[in-house]
Structure formats: C-alpha cells, structure tokens
N, C-alpha and C. Protein backbone atom coordinates (compact mmCIF):
# COMPACT_ATOMS: atom_id res chain seq x y z
N MET A 1 -16.92 -8.59 5.91
CA MET A 1 -15.76 -9.40 5.57
C MET A 1 -15.02 -8.77 4.39
N ASN A 2 -13.70 -8.99 4.39
CA ASN A 2 -12.92 -8.49 3.27
C ASN A 2 -13.32 -9.22 2.00
N PRO A 3 -13.33 -8.57 0.85
CA PRO A 3 -13.72 -9.22 -0.40
C PRO A 3 -12.66 -10.15 -0.94
N TYR A 4 -11.47 -10.14 -0.40
CA TYR A 4 -10.41 -11.04 -0.84
C TYR A 4 -9.44 -11.22 0.31
N PRO A 5 -8.73 -12.36 0.36
CA PRO A 5 -7.87 -12.63 1.51
C PRO A 5 -6.60 -11.81 1.47
N CYS A 6 -6.07 -11.51 2.65
CA CYS A 6 -4.76 -10.87 2.74
C CYS A 6 -3.69 -11.88 2.35
N SER A 7 -2.51 -11.37 2.06
CA SER A 7 -1.35 -12.22 1.91
C SER A 7 -1.20 -13.08 3.15
N LEU A 8 -0.96 -14.38 2.97
CA LEU A 8 -0.80 -15.28 4.11
C LEU A 8 0.37 -14.86 4.98
N ARG A 9 1.48 -14.51 4.32
CA ARG A 9 2.65 -14.07 5.10
C ARG A 9 2.36 -12.77 5.83
N MET A 10 1.63 -11.87 5.16
CA MET A 10 1.30 -10.61 5.80
C MET A 10 0.40 -10.83 7.00
N ALA A 11 -0.59 -11.71 6.85
CA ALA A 11 -1.51 -11.96 7.95
C ALA A 11 -0.76 -12.52 9.15
N LEU A 12 0.18 -13.44 8.89
CA LEU A 12 0.99 -14.01 9.97
C LEU A 12 1.76 -12.93 10.69
N ALA A 13 2.42 -12.06 9.93
CA ALA A 13 3.24 -11.02 10.55
C ALA A 13 2.38 -10.04 11.34
N ILE A 14 1.25 -9.64 10.79
CA ILE A 14 0.39 -8.68 11.48
C ILE A 14 -0.17 -9.29 12.76
N LEU A 15 -0.54 -10.57 12.70
CA LEU A 15 -1.06 -11.22 13.89
C LEU A 15 -0.01 -11.29 14.98
N ILE A 16 1.24 -11.57 14.59
CA ILE A 16 2.32 -11.62 15.57
C ILE A 16 2.52 -10.26 16.21
N LEU A 17 2.34 -9.22 15.43
CA LEU A 17 2.47 -7.87 15.96
C LEU A 17 1.31 -7.49 16.87
N GLY A 18 0.30 -8.33 16.93
CA GLY A 18 -0.83 -8.03 17.80
C GLY A 18 -1.90 -7.22 17.12
N SER A 19 -1.82 -7.09 15.79
CA SER A 19 -2.83 -6.35 15.05
C SER A 19 -3.88 -7.32 14.54
N VAL A 20 -5.05 -6.78 14.19
CA VAL A 20 -6.11 -7.63 13.67
C VAL A 20 -6.26 -7.35 12.19
N ALA A 21 -5.69 -8.24 11.37
CA ALA A 21 -5.79 -8.08 9.93
C ALA A 21 -6.83 -9.04 9.39
N CYS A 22 -7.28 -8.76 8.16
CA CYS A 22 -8.25 -9.61 7.48
C CYS A 22 -9.53 -9.78 8.29
N SER A 23 -10.01 -8.74 8.97
CA SER A 23 -11.24 -8.83 9.74
C SER A 23 -12.00 -7.52 9.63
N ASP A 24 -13.27 -7.55 10.03
CA ASP A 24 -14.06 -6.32 10.02
C ASP A 24 -13.59 -5.40 11.13
N ALA A 25 -13.77 -4.09 10.95
CA ALA A 25 -13.42 -3.12 11.97
C ALA A 25 -14.41 -1.99 11.89
N PRO A 26 -14.61 -1.26 12.99
CA PRO A 26 -15.56 -0.15 12.94
C PRO A 26 -15.16 0.86 11.88
N SER A 27 -16.14 1.41 11.18
CA SER A 27 -15.83 2.41 10.16
C SER A 27 -15.54 3.74 10.84
N THR A 28 -14.82 4.60 10.13
CA THR A 28 -14.53 5.93 10.65
C THR A 28 -15.05 6.95 9.66
N ASP A 29 -15.47 8.10 10.15
CA ASP A 29 -16.14 9.08 9.28
C ASP A 29 -15.19 9.89 8.44
N ALA A 30 -13.99 10.13 8.93
CA ALA A 30 -13.09 11.03 8.20
C ALA A 30 -11.66 10.73 8.56
N ILE A 31 -10.74 11.22 7.73
CA ILE A 31 -9.32 11.10 7.99
C ILE A 31 -8.72 12.49 7.84
N ALA A 32 -7.85 12.83 8.77
CA ALA A 32 -7.23 14.16 8.71
C ALA A 32 -6.31 14.21 7.51
N GLU A 33 -6.36 15.33 6.79
CA GLU A 33 -5.47 15.50 5.66
C GLU A 33 -4.06 15.67 6.17
N SER A 34 -3.10 14.97 5.53
CA SER A 34 -1.72 15.05 5.98
C SER A 34 -1.11 16.38 5.59
N ASP A 35 -0.11 16.79 6.35
CA ASP A 35 0.57 18.05 6.10
C ASP A 35 1.56 17.86 4.98
N PRO A 36 1.41 18.53 3.84
CA PRO A 36 2.33 18.35 2.71
C PRO A 36 3.77 18.62 3.09
N ALA A 37 4.00 19.44 4.10
CA ALA A 37 5.37 19.77 4.47
C ALA A 37 6.10 18.59 5.05
N THR A 38 5.35 17.58 5.55
CA THR A 38 5.98 16.42 6.16
C THR A 38 6.16 15.28 5.19
N GLN A 39 5.78 15.47 3.94
CA GLN A 39 5.81 14.38 2.98
C GLN A 39 6.98 14.52 2.01
N THR A 40 7.48 13.35 1.56
CA THR A 40 8.44 13.35 0.48
C THR A 40 7.73 13.75 -0.79
N PRO A 41 8.20 14.77 -1.52
CA PRO A 41 7.47 15.23 -2.71
C PRO A 41 7.26 14.11 -3.71
N ALA A 42 6.07 14.02 -4.23
CA ALA A 42 5.76 13.04 -5.27
C ALA A 42 5.83 13.74 -6.61
N PRO A 43 6.01 12.97 -7.68
CA PRO A 43 6.03 13.59 -9.01
C PRO A 43 4.77 14.40 -9.23
N ALA A 44 4.92 15.55 -9.91
CA ALA A 44 3.80 16.48 -10.05
C ALA A 44 2.73 15.97 -10.98
N THR A 45 3.10 15.19 -11.97
CA THR A 45 2.11 14.73 -12.94
C THR A 45 2.21 13.24 -13.13
N VAL A 46 1.13 12.65 -13.59
CA VAL A 46 1.10 11.24 -13.91
C VAL A 46 1.66 11.03 -15.30
N PRO A 47 2.62 10.09 -15.48
CA PRO A 47 3.18 9.87 -16.81
C PRO A 47 2.10 9.53 -17.82
N ASP A 48 2.29 9.99 -19.04
CA ASP A 48 1.32 9.75 -20.11
C ASP A 48 1.31 8.27 -20.45
N GLN A 49 0.17 7.62 -20.22
CA GLN A 49 0.07 6.19 -20.48
C GLN A 49 -0.08 5.90 -21.98
N THR A 50 -0.29 6.94 -22.80
CA THR A 50 -0.59 6.71 -24.21
C THR A 50 0.64 6.73 -25.10
N THR A 51 1.80 7.12 -24.55
CA THR A 51 3.00 7.19 -25.38
C THR A 51 3.49 5.79 -25.68
N ALA A 52 3.46 5.41 -26.92
CA ALA A 52 3.90 4.07 -27.34
C ALA A 52 4.20 4.11 -28.82
N SER A 53 4.89 3.08 -29.28
CA SER A 53 5.20 2.99 -30.70
C SER A 53 3.92 2.67 -31.46
N SER A 54 3.96 2.86 -32.79
CA SER A 54 2.78 2.57 -33.58
C SER A 54 2.40 1.11 -33.49
N ALA A 55 3.42 0.24 -33.38
CA ALA A 55 3.13 -1.19 -33.26
C ALA A 55 2.41 -1.46 -31.95
N ASP A 56 2.86 -0.80 -30.87
CA ASP A 56 2.20 -0.98 -29.59
C ASP A 56 0.78 -0.45 -29.63
N ALA A 57 0.56 0.64 -30.40
CA ALA A 57 -0.77 1.21 -30.49
C ALA A 57 -1.73 0.23 -31.13
N GLU A 58 -1.22 -0.57 -32.10
CA GLU A 58 -2.07 -1.55 -32.74
C GLU A 58 -2.35 -2.73 -31.82
N GLN A 59 -1.40 -3.03 -30.91
CA GLN A 59 -1.56 -4.12 -29.97
C GLN A 59 -1.49 -3.54 -28.56
N PRO A 60 -2.59 -3.01 -28.03
CA PRO A 60 -2.58 -2.37 -26.72
C PRO A 60 -2.06 -3.32 -25.64
N THR A 61 -1.24 -2.77 -24.75
CA THR A 61 -0.70 -3.57 -23.66
C THR A 61 -1.80 -3.90 -22.68
N LYS A 62 -1.89 -5.18 -22.32
CA LYS A 62 -2.91 -5.61 -21.37
C LYS A 62 -2.34 -5.51 -19.97
N SER A 63 -3.15 -5.04 -19.04
CA SER A 63 -2.68 -4.95 -17.66
C SER A 63 -2.56 -6.34 -17.06
N ARG A 64 -1.62 -6.45 -16.14
CA ARG A 64 -1.37 -7.72 -15.46
C ARG A 64 -2.03 -7.65 -14.08
N GLN A 65 -2.99 -8.50 -13.83
CA GLN A 65 -3.68 -8.49 -12.54
C GLN A 65 -2.81 -9.17 -11.49
N LEU A 66 -2.57 -8.48 -10.38
CA LEU A 66 -1.68 -8.99 -9.34
C LEU A 66 -2.43 -9.22 -8.04
N GLU A 67 -1.92 -10.16 -7.25
CA GLU A 67 -2.32 -10.31 -5.86
C GLU A 67 -1.23 -9.66 -5.02
N TRP A 68 -1.54 -9.36 -3.76
CA TRP A 68 -0.58 -8.65 -2.93
C TRP A 68 0.70 -9.44 -2.69
N ASP A 69 0.60 -10.76 -2.65
CA ASP A 69 1.81 -11.58 -2.48
C ASP A 69 2.82 -11.33 -3.59
N ALA A 70 2.33 -10.95 -4.77
CA ALA A 70 3.22 -10.75 -5.92
C ALA A 70 4.13 -9.55 -5.73
N LEU A 71 3.84 -8.68 -4.76
CA LEU A 71 4.68 -7.51 -4.51
C LEU A 71 5.84 -7.82 -3.57
N ILE A 72 5.86 -9.04 -3.03
CA ILE A 72 6.89 -9.43 -2.07
C ILE A 72 7.95 -10.26 -2.77
N PRO A 73 9.24 -9.87 -2.71
CA PRO A 73 10.29 -10.70 -3.31
C PRO A 73 10.30 -12.10 -2.68
N ASP A 74 10.60 -13.10 -3.50
CA ASP A 74 10.57 -14.49 -3.02
C ASP A 74 11.51 -14.73 -1.85
N ASP A 75 12.64 -14.01 -1.84
CA ASP A 75 13.63 -14.26 -0.80
C ASP A 75 13.42 -13.41 0.45
N TYR A 76 12.33 -12.65 0.50
CA TYR A 76 12.06 -11.82 1.68
C TYR A 76 11.17 -12.61 2.63
N GLN A 77 11.70 -12.95 3.79
CA GLN A 77 10.98 -13.78 4.75
C GLN A 77 11.06 -13.15 6.15
N PRO A 78 10.28 -12.10 6.39
CA PRO A 78 10.33 -11.43 7.69
C PRO A 78 9.90 -12.32 8.84
N GLU A 79 9.11 -13.37 8.52
CA GLU A 79 8.66 -14.25 9.59
C GLU A 79 9.82 -14.94 10.30
N LYS A 80 10.95 -15.11 9.58
CA LYS A 80 12.12 -15.72 10.23
C LYS A 80 12.66 -14.82 11.32
N LEU A 81 12.76 -13.52 11.03
CA LEU A 81 13.24 -12.58 12.04
C LEU A 81 12.24 -12.49 13.19
N LEU A 82 10.96 -12.50 12.86
CA LEU A 82 9.94 -12.44 13.90
C LEU A 82 10.03 -13.67 14.80
N ALA A 83 10.31 -14.83 14.19
CA ALA A 83 10.45 -16.05 14.99
C ALA A 83 11.66 -15.96 15.92
N GLU A 84 12.75 -15.36 15.43
CA GLU A 84 13.95 -15.21 16.25
C GLU A 84 13.67 -14.32 17.46
N MET A 85 12.78 -13.35 17.31
CA MET A 85 12.46 -12.45 18.42
C MET A 85 11.62 -13.14 19.50
N GLN A 86 10.98 -14.27 19.15
CA GLN A 86 10.16 -15.01 20.10
C GLN A 86 9.11 -14.09 20.75
N LEU A 87 8.38 -13.39 19.90
CA LEU A 87 7.39 -12.44 20.39
C LEU A 87 6.26 -13.10 21.17
N ASP A 88 6.01 -14.38 20.89
CA ASP A 88 4.94 -15.08 21.62
C ASP A 88 5.25 -15.18 23.11
N ASP A 89 6.55 -15.16 23.44
CA ASP A 89 6.95 -15.30 24.85
C ASP A 89 7.15 -13.95 25.52
N LEU A 90 6.86 -12.86 24.80
CA LEU A 90 7.12 -11.52 25.32
C LEU A 90 5.91 -11.02 26.12
N ALA A 91 6.13 -10.71 27.39
CA ALA A 91 5.05 -10.17 28.23
C ALA A 91 4.82 -8.71 27.89
N ASP A 92 3.63 -8.22 28.21
CA ASP A 92 3.29 -6.83 27.89
C ASP A 92 4.23 -5.83 28.54
N ASP A 93 4.71 -6.16 29.74
CA ASP A 93 5.57 -5.23 30.47
C ASP A 93 7.05 -5.56 30.32
N ASP A 94 7.38 -6.41 29.35
CA ASP A 94 8.79 -6.78 29.13
C ASP A 94 9.56 -5.56 28.66
N PRO A 95 10.72 -5.25 29.28
CA PRO A 95 11.50 -4.07 28.88
C PRO A 95 12.04 -4.15 27.46
N ARG A 96 12.05 -5.35 26.88
CA ARG A 96 12.54 -5.50 25.51
C ARG A 96 11.50 -5.08 24.47
N ALA A 97 10.27 -4.81 24.92
CA ALA A 97 9.19 -4.53 23.98
C ALA A 97 9.48 -3.31 23.11
N ALA A 98 9.99 -2.24 23.71
CA ALA A 98 10.29 -1.02 22.94
C ALA A 98 11.38 -1.28 21.91
N GLU A 99 12.39 -2.06 22.31
CA GLU A 99 13.48 -2.38 21.38
C GLU A 99 12.96 -3.18 20.20
N TYR A 100 12.12 -4.18 20.48
CA TYR A 100 11.57 -5.01 19.42
C TYR A 100 10.66 -4.20 18.50
N ALA A 101 9.90 -3.27 19.09
CA ALA A 101 9.01 -2.43 18.28
C ALA A 101 9.80 -1.59 17.30
N ALA A 102 10.94 -1.06 17.76
CA ALA A 102 11.80 -0.25 16.89
C ALA A 102 12.38 -1.11 15.77
N ARG A 103 12.80 -2.33 16.11
CA ARG A 103 13.36 -3.24 15.10
C ARG A 103 12.30 -3.62 14.07
N LEU A 104 11.09 -3.84 14.54
CA LEU A 104 10.01 -4.20 13.62
C LEU A 104 9.66 -3.05 12.69
N LYS A 105 9.66 -1.83 13.21
CA LYS A 105 9.36 -0.67 12.36
C LYS A 105 10.42 -0.54 11.27
N THR A 106 11.69 -0.73 11.64
CA THR A 106 12.76 -0.67 10.65
C THR A 106 12.59 -1.77 9.61
N LEU A 107 12.25 -2.97 10.08
CA LEU A 107 12.03 -4.10 9.18
C LEU A 107 10.90 -3.79 8.21
N TRP A 108 9.82 -3.21 8.70
CA TRP A 108 8.66 -2.87 7.87
C TRP A 108 9.02 -1.77 6.86
N ASP A 109 9.68 -0.70 7.34
CA ASP A 109 9.99 0.43 6.46
C ASP A 109 11.00 0.07 5.38
N ASP A 110 11.91 -0.86 5.69
CA ASP A 110 12.97 -1.24 4.75
C ASP A 110 12.61 -2.46 3.91
N ALA A 111 11.37 -2.92 4.00
CA ALA A 111 10.97 -4.11 3.26
C ALA A 111 11.28 -3.94 1.77
N PRO A 112 12.01 -4.89 1.18
CA PRO A 112 12.42 -4.75 -0.22
C PRO A 112 11.25 -4.92 -1.19
N VAL A 113 11.41 -4.34 -2.36
CA VAL A 113 10.38 -4.42 -3.39
C VAL A 113 10.89 -5.26 -4.56
N ARG A 114 10.01 -5.56 -5.47
CA ARG A 114 10.39 -6.30 -6.68
C ARG A 114 10.72 -5.31 -7.79
N SER A 115 11.99 -5.15 -8.06
CA SER A 115 12.42 -4.17 -9.07
C SER A 115 11.93 -4.53 -10.47
N ASP A 116 11.65 -5.82 -10.71
CA ASP A 116 11.20 -6.24 -12.04
C ASP A 116 9.78 -5.75 -12.35
N LEU A 117 9.07 -5.26 -11.34
CA LEU A 117 7.73 -4.71 -11.59
C LEU A 117 7.77 -3.27 -12.07
N ASP A 118 8.94 -2.64 -12.01
CA ASP A 118 9.06 -1.24 -12.41
C ASP A 118 8.67 -1.07 -13.88
N GLY A 119 7.73 -0.17 -14.13
CA GLY A 119 7.28 0.08 -15.50
C GLY A 119 6.17 -0.83 -15.98
N SER A 120 5.75 -1.79 -15.15
CA SER A 120 4.71 -2.74 -15.55
C SER A 120 3.32 -2.10 -15.47
N LEU A 121 2.46 -2.46 -16.40
CA LEU A 121 1.06 -2.05 -16.35
C LEU A 121 0.32 -3.11 -15.54
N ILE A 122 -0.16 -2.74 -14.37
CA ILE A 122 -0.74 -3.73 -13.47
C ILE A 122 -2.14 -3.31 -13.02
N ARG A 123 -2.86 -4.28 -12.50
CA ARG A 123 -4.20 -4.05 -11.92
C ARG A 123 -4.20 -4.69 -10.54
N LEU A 124 -4.55 -3.90 -9.53
CA LEU A 124 -4.43 -4.36 -8.14
C LEU A 124 -5.63 -3.89 -7.33
N PRO A 125 -6.23 -4.78 -6.52
CA PRO A 125 -7.33 -4.35 -5.66
C PRO A 125 -6.79 -3.93 -4.30
N GLY A 126 -7.54 -3.11 -3.59
CA GLY A 126 -7.10 -2.73 -2.25
C GLY A 126 -8.03 -1.73 -1.60
N PHE A 127 -7.68 -1.39 -0.37
CA PHE A 127 -8.44 -0.43 0.43
C PHE A 127 -7.78 0.94 0.33
N VAL A 128 -8.59 1.98 0.21
CA VAL A 128 -8.10 3.35 -0.01
C VAL A 128 -7.90 4.09 1.32
N VAL A 129 -6.71 4.69 1.47
CA VAL A 129 -6.45 5.61 2.58
C VAL A 129 -6.03 6.95 1.95
N PRO A 130 -6.95 7.91 1.83
CA PRO A 130 -6.61 9.19 1.18
C PRO A 130 -5.54 9.95 1.96
N VAL A 131 -4.59 10.55 1.23
CA VAL A 131 -3.54 11.35 1.89
C VAL A 131 -3.33 12.71 1.23
N GLU A 132 -3.78 12.89 -0.01
CA GLU A 132 -3.63 14.18 -0.68
C GLU A 132 -4.93 14.55 -1.38
N THR A 133 -5.31 15.82 -1.26
CA THR A 133 -6.52 16.29 -1.92
C THR A 133 -6.24 17.60 -2.65
N SER A 134 -7.06 17.86 -3.66
CA SER A 134 -6.98 19.11 -4.40
C SER A 134 -8.39 19.48 -4.83
N ASN A 135 -8.87 20.64 -4.37
CA ASN A 135 -10.23 21.09 -4.71
C ASN A 135 -11.28 20.04 -4.39
N GLY A 136 -11.10 19.38 -3.26
CA GLY A 136 -12.07 18.39 -2.82
C GLY A 136 -11.90 17.02 -3.41
N GLU A 137 -10.98 16.86 -4.37
CA GLU A 137 -10.73 15.56 -4.99
C GLU A 137 -9.52 14.90 -4.35
N THR A 138 -9.53 13.58 -4.30
CA THR A 138 -8.37 12.84 -3.83
C THR A 138 -7.41 12.64 -5.00
N THR A 139 -6.20 13.17 -4.86
CA THR A 139 -5.20 13.06 -5.93
C THR A 139 -4.06 12.11 -5.55
N GLY A 140 -4.00 11.73 -4.30
CA GLY A 140 -2.99 10.78 -3.85
C GLY A 140 -3.54 9.98 -2.69
N PHE A 141 -3.36 8.65 -2.76
CA PHE A 141 -3.85 7.82 -1.66
C PHE A 141 -2.99 6.57 -1.54
N LEU A 142 -3.04 5.98 -0.35
CA LEU A 142 -2.37 4.71 -0.12
C LEU A 142 -3.35 3.60 -0.45
N LEU A 143 -2.86 2.59 -1.16
CA LEU A 143 -3.63 1.38 -1.41
C LEU A 143 -3.03 0.29 -0.53
N VAL A 144 -3.85 -0.30 0.33
CA VAL A 144 -3.36 -1.28 1.31
C VAL A 144 -4.19 -2.55 1.22
N PRO A 145 -3.63 -3.69 1.69
CA PRO A 145 -4.28 -4.98 1.46
C PRO A 145 -5.34 -5.38 2.48
N TYR A 146 -5.51 -4.61 3.56
CA TYR A 146 -6.51 -5.01 4.55
C TYR A 146 -7.16 -3.79 5.19
N TYR A 147 -8.37 -4.01 5.67
CA TYR A 147 -9.17 -2.94 6.28
C TYR A 147 -8.50 -2.45 7.56
N GLY A 148 -8.48 -1.14 7.74
CA GLY A 148 -7.97 -0.56 8.98
C GLY A 148 -6.51 -0.19 8.96
N ALA A 149 -5.78 -0.59 7.92
CA ALA A 149 -4.33 -0.33 7.86
C ALA A 149 -4.05 1.16 7.93
N CYS A 150 -3.05 1.52 8.71
CA CYS A 150 -2.56 2.90 8.87
C CYS A 150 -3.45 3.75 9.77
N ILE A 151 -4.65 3.26 10.10
CA ILE A 151 -5.57 4.04 10.93
C ILE A 151 -5.91 3.26 12.20
N HIS A 152 -6.58 2.12 12.05
CA HIS A 152 -6.98 1.32 13.20
C HIS A 152 -5.87 0.37 13.65
N VAL A 153 -5.05 -0.07 12.74
CA VAL A 153 -3.94 -0.98 13.04
C VAL A 153 -2.69 -0.45 12.34
N PRO A 154 -1.49 -0.94 12.71
CA PRO A 154 -0.25 -0.41 12.12
C PRO A 154 -0.22 -0.57 10.60
N PRO A 155 0.57 0.27 9.93
CA PRO A 155 0.71 0.14 8.47
C PRO A 155 1.35 -1.19 8.10
N PRO A 156 1.08 -1.69 6.90
CA PRO A 156 1.77 -2.88 6.41
C PRO A 156 3.23 -2.53 6.11
N PRO A 157 4.05 -3.55 5.82
CA PRO A 157 5.42 -3.27 5.35
C PRO A 157 5.38 -2.41 4.09
N ALA A 158 6.50 -1.76 3.80
CA ALA A 158 6.56 -0.87 2.63
C ALA A 158 6.23 -1.61 1.34
N ASN A 159 6.60 -2.90 1.26
CA ASN A 159 6.32 -3.64 0.03
C ASN A 159 4.88 -4.15 -0.04
N GLN A 160 4.07 -3.78 0.94
CA GLN A 160 2.64 -4.07 0.91
C GLN A 160 1.83 -2.78 1.01
N THR A 161 2.48 -1.67 0.69
CA THR A 161 1.83 -0.36 0.69
C THR A 161 2.14 0.33 -0.63
N VAL A 162 1.11 0.70 -1.37
CA VAL A 162 1.27 1.31 -2.69
C VAL A 162 0.72 2.73 -2.65
N TYR A 163 1.55 3.69 -3.07
CA TYR A 163 1.10 5.08 -3.16
C TYR A 163 0.55 5.31 -4.56
N VAL A 164 -0.71 5.69 -4.64
CA VAL A 164 -1.38 5.86 -5.94
C VAL A 164 -1.55 7.34 -6.24
N LEU A 165 -1.13 7.75 -7.43
CA LEU A 165 -1.29 9.13 -7.90
C LEU A 165 -2.33 9.16 -9.02
N THR A 166 -3.24 10.12 -8.94
CA THR A 166 -4.26 10.27 -9.97
C THR A 166 -4.15 11.66 -10.58
N GLU A 167 -4.71 11.82 -11.75
CA GLU A 167 -4.74 13.12 -12.40
C GLU A 167 -5.79 14.00 -11.72
N ALA A 168 -5.48 15.28 -11.56
CA ALA A 168 -6.47 16.23 -11.05
C ALA A 168 -7.62 16.33 -12.05
N GLY A 169 -8.82 16.53 -11.55
CA GLY A 169 -9.97 16.66 -12.42
C GLY A 169 -10.71 15.37 -12.68
N THR A 170 -10.29 14.29 -12.03
CA THR A 170 -10.97 13.01 -12.24
C THR A 170 -12.25 12.90 -11.42
N GLY A 171 -12.38 13.75 -10.40
CA GLY A 171 -13.57 13.69 -9.56
C GLY A 171 -13.57 12.53 -8.59
N PHE A 172 -12.39 11.96 -8.33
CA PHE A 172 -12.30 10.81 -7.43
C PHE A 172 -12.42 11.29 -5.98
N ARG A 173 -13.48 10.87 -5.31
CA ARG A 173 -13.73 11.26 -3.91
C ARG A 173 -14.11 10.02 -3.12
N PRO A 174 -13.14 9.19 -2.80
CA PRO A 174 -13.45 7.92 -2.14
C PRO A 174 -13.73 8.07 -0.66
N GLU A 175 -14.43 7.10 -0.10
CA GLU A 175 -14.57 6.98 1.34
C GLU A 175 -13.31 6.32 1.89
N LEU A 176 -13.01 6.59 3.14
CA LEU A 176 -11.88 5.91 3.79
C LEU A 176 -12.14 4.41 3.79
N PHE A 177 -11.15 3.65 3.33
CA PHE A 177 -11.19 2.19 3.23
C PHE A 177 -12.18 1.69 2.18
N GLU A 178 -12.56 2.56 1.25
CA GLU A 178 -13.33 2.10 0.10
C GLU A 178 -12.48 1.09 -0.67
N VAL A 179 -13.12 0.06 -1.21
CA VAL A 179 -12.39 -0.99 -1.92
C VAL A 179 -12.48 -0.74 -3.42
N VAL A 180 -11.33 -0.70 -4.07
CA VAL A 180 -11.28 -0.36 -5.50
C VAL A 180 -10.29 -1.26 -6.24
N TRP A 181 -10.44 -1.28 -7.53
CA TRP A 181 -9.42 -1.81 -8.44
C TRP A 181 -8.68 -0.61 -9.02
N VAL A 182 -7.36 -0.66 -9.00
CA VAL A 182 -6.56 0.40 -9.61
C VAL A 182 -5.73 -0.21 -10.74
N THR A 183 -5.81 0.40 -11.91
CA THR A 183 -4.98 0.00 -13.04
C THR A 183 -4.05 1.15 -13.37
N GLY A 184 -2.78 0.83 -13.62
CA GLY A 184 -1.83 1.88 -13.94
C GLY A 184 -0.41 1.36 -14.05
N THR A 185 0.52 2.28 -14.19
CA THR A 185 1.93 1.93 -14.35
C THR A 185 2.63 1.95 -12.99
N MET A 186 3.28 0.83 -12.68
CA MET A 186 3.94 0.67 -11.40
C MET A 186 5.36 1.23 -11.45
N SER A 187 5.75 1.88 -10.37
CA SER A 187 7.13 2.37 -10.21
C SER A 187 7.63 1.91 -8.85
N VAL A 188 8.93 1.61 -8.77
CA VAL A 188 9.50 1.20 -7.48
C VAL A 188 9.95 2.41 -6.67
N ALA A 189 9.54 3.60 -7.07
CA ALA A 189 9.87 4.82 -6.31
C ALA A 189 9.16 4.81 -4.97
N ARG A 190 9.92 4.96 -3.91
CA ARG A 190 9.35 4.99 -2.56
C ARG A 190 8.81 6.38 -2.23
N ILE A 191 7.72 6.38 -1.49
CA ILE A 191 7.12 7.63 -1.03
C ILE A 191 6.94 7.52 0.49
N GLU A 192 7.40 8.53 1.20
CA GLU A 192 7.24 8.55 2.66
C GLU A 192 6.37 9.74 3.05
N ASN A 193 5.37 9.49 3.88
CA ASN A 193 4.56 10.58 4.42
C ASN A 193 4.27 10.29 5.89
N ASP A 194 3.45 11.12 6.50
CA ASP A 194 3.22 10.96 7.93
C ASP A 194 2.21 9.86 8.26
N VAL A 195 1.72 9.15 7.24
CA VAL A 195 0.81 8.04 7.47
C VAL A 195 1.55 6.71 7.39
N ALA A 196 2.36 6.54 6.36
CA ALA A 196 3.09 5.28 6.17
C ALA A 196 4.17 5.49 5.12
N GLU A 197 5.01 4.47 4.96
CA GLU A 197 6.01 4.47 3.90
C GLU A 197 5.59 3.47 2.84
N ALA A 198 5.51 3.93 1.61
CA ALA A 198 5.10 3.07 0.50
C ALA A 198 6.31 2.68 -0.33
N GLY A 199 6.44 1.39 -0.60
CA GLY A 199 7.56 0.90 -1.39
C GLY A 199 7.33 1.04 -2.88
N TYR A 200 6.08 1.23 -3.28
CA TYR A 200 5.74 1.35 -4.70
C TYR A 200 4.92 2.62 -4.92
N THR A 201 5.03 3.16 -6.13
CA THR A 201 4.16 4.24 -6.58
C THR A 201 3.41 3.75 -7.82
N LEU A 202 2.11 3.94 -7.84
CA LEU A 202 1.29 3.49 -8.96
C LEU A 202 0.61 4.70 -9.59
N TYR A 203 0.92 4.94 -10.87
CA TYR A 203 0.33 6.06 -11.61
C TYR A 203 -0.97 5.57 -12.24
N ALA A 204 -2.09 5.94 -11.64
CA ALA A 204 -3.38 5.37 -12.01
C ALA A 204 -3.88 5.89 -13.35
N SER A 205 -4.30 4.97 -14.19
CA SER A 205 -5.00 5.33 -15.42
C SER A 205 -6.48 4.99 -15.31
N SER A 206 -6.82 4.14 -14.34
CA SER A 206 -8.22 3.74 -14.14
C SER A 206 -8.42 3.33 -12.69
N ILE A 207 -9.52 3.80 -12.09
CA ILE A 207 -9.91 3.38 -10.74
C ILE A 207 -11.37 2.97 -10.80
N GLU A 208 -11.65 1.72 -10.40
CA GLU A 208 -13.00 1.18 -10.49
C GLU A 208 -13.42 0.60 -9.14
N PRO A 209 -14.72 0.60 -8.85
CA PRO A 209 -15.20 -0.05 -7.63
C PRO A 209 -14.87 -1.54 -7.67
N TYR A 210 -14.59 -2.10 -6.51
CA TYR A 210 -14.34 -3.54 -6.44
C TYR A 210 -15.69 -4.27 -6.47
N GLU A 211 -15.83 -5.16 -7.43
CA GLU A 211 -17.08 -5.92 -7.55
C GLU A 211 -16.77 -7.38 -7.77
C-alpha cells in the first residue's frame, strides 16, 4: 500500500483515464536511462541554499511541508473538462477515443502551476523515477505522487510531476519508485523529457527515506 494517499482530484482523474492510481503494482528491476538529446536542458548546478543575509543566518528558514494537492491551483478543475467528455459512456472502439486521448494529453501537459511557490523552501514526499545519472549516481529524477507513474500507468499532470535536481557526488542511488522525502528550493521552471513533463523543478538540499 502507498504510505500516503494520492490527491483526491488526481485519483479521480487517473481513474477516469482508466489508470490504476493509489494501489500496489508489480515492481520492475530497472528503468532505461533517457537520452539527454531528447530532454530540455536543466540548469547545470543546484543553487546555493546557504546564500542568505546575516539575519537569515541567525534565523534559519524552515521548510514548508506540502501535500500534493498544494501544487494544484485552486481554480484548476480538470474534472469539469473530463465530465464534459463523458468518458464513462465511451466504448473501447469508439472513434472519438484517439481525439479525447490527445485532448487529455494536452490538458495534462499544460496543467498550470502555483507561481507563488517559486523560491519556497519545501518538503515533499513522493515516488522516485530516475531520469539522469552521472558516474552511477542519480542526479535528476521525477518525483510523482503514486506508484507506477510514468512507467506502469500514464504520467500525472505537469502540476503533479516534480523534476528534482541533486548535486553530483551525493551518492544517491535510488530504486525505481523508492519513496523519499525531498527538501529543497522549488522553482516553477518546467522540464520536459521523454518520460514526462514536469511543471516544477526542485533543487534538492536533502533527500531522506520515507518513514
């Protein structure tokens, strides 16, 4: 079982799409490393988390622990569009299926983010999908809210997919879908690769096992 529930709105949308979210799924042994040539370049280095005024140094900024729902703008309601499509009445061989699938992909990729989170120091739990490695270490990965995302089932919307960058030399070598807490500075910079589109980039200062 997942250690924490998915976003209620996300679970609804994924279920309508015919995916199985918030449930156990068979584990997989490995994930193919993505081709860097197909990815939107990410910043080369992680911003220095220690740069602050002397006053800030005396009063360290505390990270804000977030749930996945907090990454969704209040006025973003994809379930309304999904209801308009009447997907429940759509047969498997319906000729409209391809059209609806394309519309849903656009809806997912264009999902808006919360600009007010830009620059925030946050702490977020999630499942790891490695996408970049260096000398055997994972230096870039997707953090997603449910098991199987991007591999066994379709990727979440962009505003439910976080691209995490780590410093080289950390020795981070996670298993696929390992559950972790990530603390770091959030950016609304979008990252697109051949696995999924992430609406947020998180510059990790700390990665811990989920307990």
